[in-house]
C-alpha atoms as a PDB file:
ATOM      1  CA  UNK A   1      35.354  45.999  39.075  1.00  0.00           C
ATOM      2  CA  UNK A   2      35.961  48.570  36.345  1.00  0.00           C
ATOM      3  CA  UNK A   3      33.196  50.236  34.352  1.00  0.00           C
ATOM      4  CA  UNK A   4      34.174  52.139  31.232  1.00  0.00           C
ATOM      5  CA  UNK A   5      31.815  54.992  30.525  1.00  0.00           C
ATOM      6  CA  UNK A   6      32.796  56.660  27.233  1.00  0.00           C
ATOM      7  CA  UNK A   7      29.236  57.822  26.561  1.00  0.00           C
ATOM      8  CA  UNK A   8      29.519  60.465  29.307  1.00  0.00           C
ATOM      9  CA  UNK A   9      32.418  62.286  27.638  1.00  0.00           C
ATOM     10  CA  UNK A  10      33.466  63.325  24.131  1.00  0.00           C
ATOM     11  CA  UNK A  11      35.504  60.671  22.284  1.00  0.00           C
ATOM     12  CA  UNK A  12      38.792  62.391  23.196  1.00  0.00           C
ATOM     13  CA  UNK A  13      38.269  61.737  26.916  1.00  0.00           C
ATOM     14  CA  UNK A  14      38.047  58.356  28.571  1.00  0.00           C
ATOM     15  CA  UNK A  15      37.324  57.523  32.150  1.00  0.00           C
ATOM     16  CA  UNK A  16      37.505  54.451  34.295  1.00  0.00           C
ATOM     17  CA  UNK A  17      35.447  53.954  37.399  1.00  0.00           C
ATOM     18  CA  UNK A  18      37.185  51.905  40.043  1.00  0.00           C
ATOM     19  CA  UNK A  19      35.214  50.097  42.723  1.00  0.00           C
ATOM     20  CA  UNK A  20      36.703  48.041  45.484  1.00  0.00           C
ATOM     21  CA  UNK A  21      35.818  46.567  48.836  1.00  0.00           C
ATOM     22  CA  UNK A  22      36.315  48.971  51.780  1.00  0.00           C
ATOM     23  CA  UNK A  23      38.832  46.605  53.373  1.00  0.00           C
ATOM     24  CA  UNK A  24      41.222  47.271  50.427  1.00  0.00           C
ATOM     25  CA  UNK A  25      40.955  51.064  50.630  1.00  0.00           C
ATOM     26  CA  UNK A  26      44.356  51.596  52.265  1.00  0.00           C
ATOM     27  CA  UNK A  27      46.111  49.276  49.815  1.00  0.00           C
ATOM     28  CA  UNK A  28      44.461  50.928  46.806  1.00  0.00           C
ATOM     29  CA  UNK A  29      45.207  54.477  47.968  1.00  0.00           C
ATOM     30  CA  UNK A  30      48.786  53.846  49.091  1.00  0.00           C
ATOM     31  CA  UNK A  31      50.009  51.409  46.452  1.00  0.00           C
ATOM     32  CA  UNK A  32      47.718  50.815  43.489  1.00  0.00           C
ATOM     33  CA  UNK A  33      46.726  54.388  42.540  1.00  0.00           C
ATOM     34  CA  UNK A  34      50.292  55.784  42.867  1.00  0.00           C
ATOM     35  CA  UNK A  35      51.480  52.898  40.654  1.00  0.00           C
ATOM     36  CA  UNK A  36      48.799  53.659  38.042  1.00  0.00           C
ATOM     37  CA  UNK A  37      49.706  57.366  38.033  1.00  0.00           C
ATOM     38  CA  UNK A  38      53.418  56.587  37.710  1.00  0.00           C
ATOM     39  CA  UNK A  39      52.786  54.207  34.800  1.00  0.00           C
ATOM     40  CA  UNK A  40      50.570  56.812  33.139  1.00  0.00           C
ATOM     41  CA  UNK A  41      53.366  59.414  33.362  1.00  0.00           C
ATOM     42  CA  UNK A  42      55.866  56.930  31.960  1.00  0.00           C
ATOM     43  CA  UNK A  43      53.577  56.066  29.038  1.00  0.00           C
ATOM     44  CA  UNK A  44      53.025  59.756  28.249  1.00  0.00           C
ATOM     45  CA  UNK A  45      56.788  60.346  28.316  1.00  0.00           C
ATOM     46  CA  UNK A  46      57.385  57.427  25.922  1.00  0.00           C
ATOM     47  CA  UNK A  47      54.838  58.835  23.469  1.00  0.00           C
ATOM     48  CA  UNK A  48      55.922  62.465  23.833  1.00  0.00           C
ATOM     49  CA  UNK A  49      56.829  64.180  20.563  1.00  0.00           C
ATOM     50  CA  UNK A  50      59.916  66.257  21.254  1.00  0.00           C
ATOM     51  CA  UNK A  51      60.089  69.753  19.790  1.00  0.00           C
ATOM     52  CA  UNK A  52      62.937  72.037  18.772  1.00  0.00           C
ATOM     53  CA  UNK A  53      61.993  75.671  19.427  1.00  0.00           C
ATOM     54  CA  UNK A  54      63.800  78.642  17.877  1.00  0.00           C
ATOM     55  CA  UNK A  55      63.369  82.282  18.767  1.00  0.00           C
ATOM     56  CA  UNK A  56      62.863  84.489  15.743  1.00  0.00           C
ATOM     57  CA  UNK A  57      62.860  87.860  17.477  1.00  0.00           C
ATOM     58  CA  UNK A  58      59.150  87.934  18.320  1.00  0.00           C
ATOM     59  CA  UNK A  59      58.148  84.468  19.545  1.00  0.00           C
ATOM     60  CA  UNK A  60      59.188  80.828  19.679  1.00  0.00           C
ATOM     61  CA  UNK A  61      58.491  78.663  16.622  1.00  0.00           C
ATOM     62  CA  UNK A  62      58.819  74.889  16.687  1.00  0.00           C
ATOM     63  CA  UNK A  63      59.454  71.825  14.572  1.00  0.00           C
ATOM     64  CA  UNK A  64      59.490  68.179  15.617  1.00  0.00           C
ATOM     65  CA  UNK A  65      62.873  67.077  16.922  1.00  0.00           C
ATOM     66  CA  UNK A  66      63.708  64.014  14.850  1.00  0.00           C
ATOM     67  CA  UNK A  67      67.399  63.884  15.700  1.00  0.00           C
ATOM     68  CA  UNK A  68      68.598  60.264  15.895  1.00  0.00           C
ATOM     69  CA  UNK A  69      71.358  60.958  18.427  1.00  0.00           C
ATOM     70  CA  UNK A  70      71.209  58.953  21.664  1.00  0.00           C
ATOM     71  CA  UNK A  71      73.784  58.116  24.287  1.00  0.00           C
ATOM     72  CA  UNK A  72      74.043  54.678  22.640  1.00  0.00           C
ATOM     73  CA  UNK A  73      75.037  56.195  19.285  1.00  0.00           C
ATOM     74  CA  UNK A  74      77.154  59.069  20.631  1.00  0.00           C
ATOM     75  CA  UNK A  75      80.904  58.879  19.999  1.00  0.00           C
ATOM     76  CA  UNK A  76      82.177  59.992  23.395  1.00  0.00           C
ATOM     77  CA  UNK A  77      84.608  58.845  26.067  1.00  0.00           C
ATOM     78  CA  UNK A  78      82.661  56.054  27.865  1.00  0.00           C
ATOM     79  CA  UNK A  79      83.602  57.288  31.354  1.00  0.00           C
ATOM     80  CA  UNK A  80      82.533  60.863  30.568  1.00  0.00           C
ATOM     81  CA  UNK A  81      79.327  59.599  28.944  1.00  0.00           C
ATOM     82  CA  UNK A  82      78.437  57.541  32.036  1.00  0.00           C
ATOM     83  CA  UNK A  83      79.253  60.456  34.342  1.00  0.00           C
ATOM     84  CA  UNK A  84      77.016  62.772  32.309  1.00  0.00           C
ATOM     85  CA  UNK A  85      74.120  60.288  32.152  1.00  0.00           C
ATOM     86  CA  UNK A  86      74.374  59.655  35.900  1.00  0.00           C
ATOM     87  CA  UNK A  87      74.349  63.403  36.528  1.00  0.00           C
ATOM     88  CA  UNK A  88      71.261  63.893  34.332  1.00  0.00           C
ATOM     89  CA  UNK A  89      69.406  61.003  35.992  1.00  0.00           C
ATOM     90  CA  UNK A  90      70.327  62.253  39.470  1.00  0.00           C
ATOM     91  CA  UNK A  91      69.125  65.757  38.549  1.00  0.00           C
ATOM     92  CA  UNK A  92      65.741  64.490  37.309  1.00  0.00           C
ATOM     93  CA  UNK A  93      65.217  62.382  40.434  1.00  0.00           C
ATOM     94  CA  UNK A  94      65.908  65.370  42.712  1.00  0.00           C
ATOM     95  CA  UNK A  95      63.116  67.633  41.466  1.00  0.00           C
ATOM     96  CA  UNK A  96      61.139  67.347  44.708  1.00  0.00           C
ATOM     97  CA  UNK A  97      64.316  67.906  46.728  1.00  0.00           C
ATOM     98  CA  UNK A  98      64.940  71.219  44.915  1.00  0.00           C
ATOM     99  CA  UNK A  99      61.372  72.295  45.723  1.00  0.00           C
ATOM    100  CA  UNK A 100      61.798  71.283  49.370  1.00  0.00           C
ATOM    101  CA  UNK A 101      64.908  73.427  49.838  1.00  0.00           C
ATOM    102  CA  UNK A 102      63.448  76.342  47.851  1.00  0.00           C
ATOM    103  CA  UNK A 103      65.818  76.227  44.880  1.00  0.00           C
ATOM    104  CA  UNK A 104      64.975  76.444  41.213  1.00  0.00           C
ATOM    105  CA  UNK A 105      65.135  73.058  39.466  1.00  0.00           C
ATOM    106  CA  UNK A 106      67.738  73.757  36.798  1.00  0.00           C
ATOM    107  CA  UNK A 107      71.074  72.368  35.701  1.00  0.00           C
ATOM    108  CA  UNK A 108      73.635  73.909  33.397  1.00  0.00           C
ATOM    109  CA  UNK A 109      76.331  72.517  31.122  1.00  0.00           C
ATOM    110  CA  UNK A 110      78.921  74.538  29.265  1.00  0.00           C
ATOM    111  CA  UNK A 111      79.782  72.726  26.039  1.00  0.00           C
ATOM    112  CA  UNK A 112      82.897  73.933  24.321  1.00  0.00           C
ATOM    113  CA  UNK A 113      84.833  72.707  21.350  1.00  0.00           C
ATOM    114  CA  UNK A 114      85.409  73.535  17.701  1.00  0.00           C
ATOM    115  CA  UNK A 115      82.592  73.101  15.155  1.00  0.00           C
ATOM    116  CA  UNK A 116      81.879  69.484  14.242  1.00  0.00           C
ATOM    117  CA  UNK A 117      82.937  67.942  17.557  1.00  0.00           C
ATOM    118  CA  UNK A 118      79.430  66.778  18.511  1.00  0.00           C
ATOM    119  CA  UNK A 119      77.987  69.526  20.712  1.00  0.00           C
ATOM    120  CA  UNK A 120      74.630  69.532  18.886  1.00  0.00           C
ATOM    121  CA  UNK A 121      74.522  65.720  18.848  1.00  0.00           C
ATOM    122  CA  UNK A 122      75.189  65.686  22.600  1.00  0.00           C
ATOM    123  CA  UNK A 123      72.332  68.141  23.199  1.00  0.00           C
ATOM    124  CA  UNK A 124      69.998  65.987  21.071  1.00  0.00           C
ATOM    125  CA  UNK A 125      71.102  62.858  22.963  1.00  0.00           C
ATOM    126  CA  UNK A 126      70.357  64.628  26.263  1.00  0.00           C
ATOM    127  CA  UNK A 127      66.892  65.661  25.002  1.00  0.00           C
ATOM    128  CA  UNK A 128      66.131  62.139  23.765  1.00  0.00           C
ATOM    129  CA  UNK A 129      67.368  60.636  27.044  1.00  0.00           C
ATOM    130  CA  UNK A 130      65.351  62.995  29.260  1.00  0.00           C
ATOM    131  CA  UNK A 131      62.380  63.397  26.879  1.00  0.00           C
ATOM    132  CA  UNK A 132      62.810  67.200  27.141  1.00  0.00           C
ATOM    133  CA  UNK A 133      62.064  69.790  24.450  1.00  0.00           C
ATOM    134  CA  UNK A 134      64.953  71.988  23.206  1.00  0.00           C
ATOM    135  CA  UNK A 135      64.816  75.789  23.055  1.00  0.00           C
ATOM    136  CA  UNK A 136      67.569  77.254  20.868  1.00  0.00           C
ATOM    137  CA  UNK A 137      68.380  80.896  21.548  1.00  0.00           C
ATOM    138  CA  UNK A 138      70.861  83.313  20.022  1.00  0.00           C
ATOM    139  CA  UNK A 139      71.404  86.151  22.480  1.00  0.00           C
ATOM    140  CA  UNK A 140      71.935  88.611  19.629  1.00  0.00           C
ATOM    141  CA  UNK A 141      68.142  88.511  19.141  1.00  0.00           C
ATOM    142  CA  UNK A 142      67.513  89.574  22.749  1.00  0.00           C
ATOM    143  CA  UNK A 143      67.525  93.332  23.339  1.00  0.00           C
ATOM    144  CA  UNK A 144      67.459  93.585  27.147  1.00  0.00           C
ATOM    145  CA  UNK A 145      67.300  91.578  30.366  1.00  0.00           C
ATOM    146  CA  UNK A 146      63.500  91.910  30.640  1.00  0.00           C
ATOM    147  CA  UNK A 147      63.121  90.394  27.150  1.00  0.00           C
ATOM    148  CA  UNK A 148      65.435  87.577  28.197  1.00  0.00           C
ATOM    149  CA  UNK A 149      63.440  87.025  31.401  1.00  0.00           C
ATOM    150  CA  UNK A 150      60.179  86.882  29.409  1.00  0.00           C
ATOM    151  CA  UNK A 151      61.711  84.349  27.023  1.00  0.00           C
ATOM    152  CA  UNK A 152      62.762  82.123  29.909  1.00  0.00           C
ATOM    153  CA  UNK A 153      59.308  82.298  31.476  1.00  0.00           C
ATOM    154  CA  UNK A 154      57.721  81.330  28.149  1.00  0.00           C
ATOM    155  CA  UNK A 155      59.686  78.057  27.902  1.00  0.00           C
ATOM    156  CA  UNK A 156      58.030  74.817  28.974  1.00  0.00           C
ATOM    157  CA  UNK A 157      58.989  72.917  32.085  1.00  0.00           C
ATOM    158  CA  UNK A 158      61.290  69.979  31.489  1.00  0.00           C
ATOM    159  CA  UNK A 159      63.119  71.553  28.597  1.00  0.00           C
ATOM    160  CA  UNK A 160      66.700  72.272  27.565  1.00  0.00           C
ATOM    161  CA  UNK A 161      67.663  75.859  26.839  1.00  0.00           C
ATOM    162  CA  UNK A 162      70.593  76.112  24.420  1.00  0.00           C
ATOM    163  CA  UNK A 163      72.332  79.480  24.233  1.00  0.00           C
ATOM    164  CA  UNK A 164      74.619  79.580  21.216  1.00  0.00           C
ATOM    165  CA  UNK A 165      78.056  81.228  21.343  1.00  0.00           C
ATOM    166  CA  UNK A 166      77.417  82.795  24.735  1.00  0.00           C
ATOM    167  CA  UNK A 167      80.993  84.116  24.930  1.00  0.00           C
ATOM    168  CA  UNK A 168      80.654  86.433  21.938  1.00  0.00           C
ATOM    169  CA  UNK A 169      76.976  87.242  21.783  1.00  0.00           C
ATOM    170  CA  UNK A 170      76.760  91.048  21.989  1.00  0.00           C
ATOM    171  CA  UNK A 171      77.855  94.195  23.750  1.00  0.00           C
ATOM    172  CA  UNK A 172      75.827  95.336  26.727  1.00  0.00           C
ATOM    173  CA  UNK A 173      76.120  98.132  29.227  1.00  0.00           C
ATOM    174  CA  UNK A 174      78.154  97.301  32.344  1.00  0.00           C
ATOM    175  CA  UNK A 175      76.571  99.301  35.192  1.00  0.00           C
ATOM    176  CA  UNK A 176      79.630  98.996  37.434  1.00  0.00           C
ATOM    177  CA  UNK A 177      82.231 100.351  35.002  1.00  0.00           C
ATOM    178  CA  UNK A 178      79.888 102.517  32.917  1.00  0.00           C
ATOM    179  CA  UNK A 179      81.345 100.769  29.860  1.00  0.00           C
ATOM    180  CA  UNK A 180      80.169  98.218  27.327  1.00  0.00           C
ATOM    181  CA  UNK A 181      81.451  94.664  27.714  1.00  0.00           C
ATOM    182  CA  UNK A 182      80.843  91.309  26.050  1.00  0.00           C
ATOM    183  CA  UNK A 183      78.132  89.263  27.739  1.00  0.00           C
ATOM    184  CA  UNK A 184      79.600  86.459  29.815  1.00  0.00           C
ATOM    185  CA  UNK A 185      76.509  84.972  31.423  1.00  0.00           C
ATOM    186  CA  UNK A 186      73.007  86.439  31.512  1.00  0.00           C
ATOM    187  CA  UNK A 187      71.987  87.219  35.103  1.00  0.00           C
ATOM    188  CA  UNK A 188      68.898  84.977  34.839  1.00  0.00           C
ATOM    189  CA  UNK A 189      71.114  81.932  34.231  1.00  0.00           C
ATOM    190  CA  UNK A 190      72.655  81.904  37.685  1.00  0.00           C
ATOM    191  CA  UNK A 191      73.161  78.160  38.118  1.00  0.00           C
ATOM    192  CA  UNK A 192      75.782  75.552  38.781  1.00  0.00           C
ATOM    193  CA  UNK A 193      77.603  74.936  35.488  1.00  0.00           C
ATOM    194  CA  UNK A 194      79.404  71.736  34.612  1.00  0.00           C
ATOM    195  CA  UNK A 195      81.876  72.068  31.745  1.00  0.00           C
ATOM    196  CA  UNK A 196      82.043  69.366  29.069  1.00  0.00           C
ATOM    197  CA  UNK A 197      84.866  69.713  26.557  1.00  0.00           C
ATOM    198  CA  UNK A 198      84.372  67.958  23.232  1.00  0.00           C
END
């Protein structure tokens, strides 16, 4: 039997009281409640408004991500598209596994290709597929590694971090050679990278 009790809470909160016979306790706790929680997460994900965040030098600002690109509409080699979607789905399903083995839950892709080949559309399709927000970062706006670290910490879980033109971002001090070199990969982005050429 379910009793709705909206009068106990402000209109923005709703609660449901669930009562059941003691003999069904095990079934409810092991099967029914996990199913309800899983459905609730799925419904929230379906209704999630995706955001595109940009870093302006001081903080992240956002707009709604209304990009129509999906894997269904993406012009891409079908085998590569399937491989990428399978990889994304496998990554999302392994979140608990990463926690179990003590590794950070992150995945990297290096997209390369001339302008207009669909890199931005692919990123939007990935965000729409995963229901992840996008954080767009130009490294030229980041002054030092601690700033970069703080930016990473300020991003939401389940998001995509896009670093534009990482191969020609800026000159930084190379402690080993005492010279200045182009940034190749920020130290905080130590992850397995899969290259996708477009």
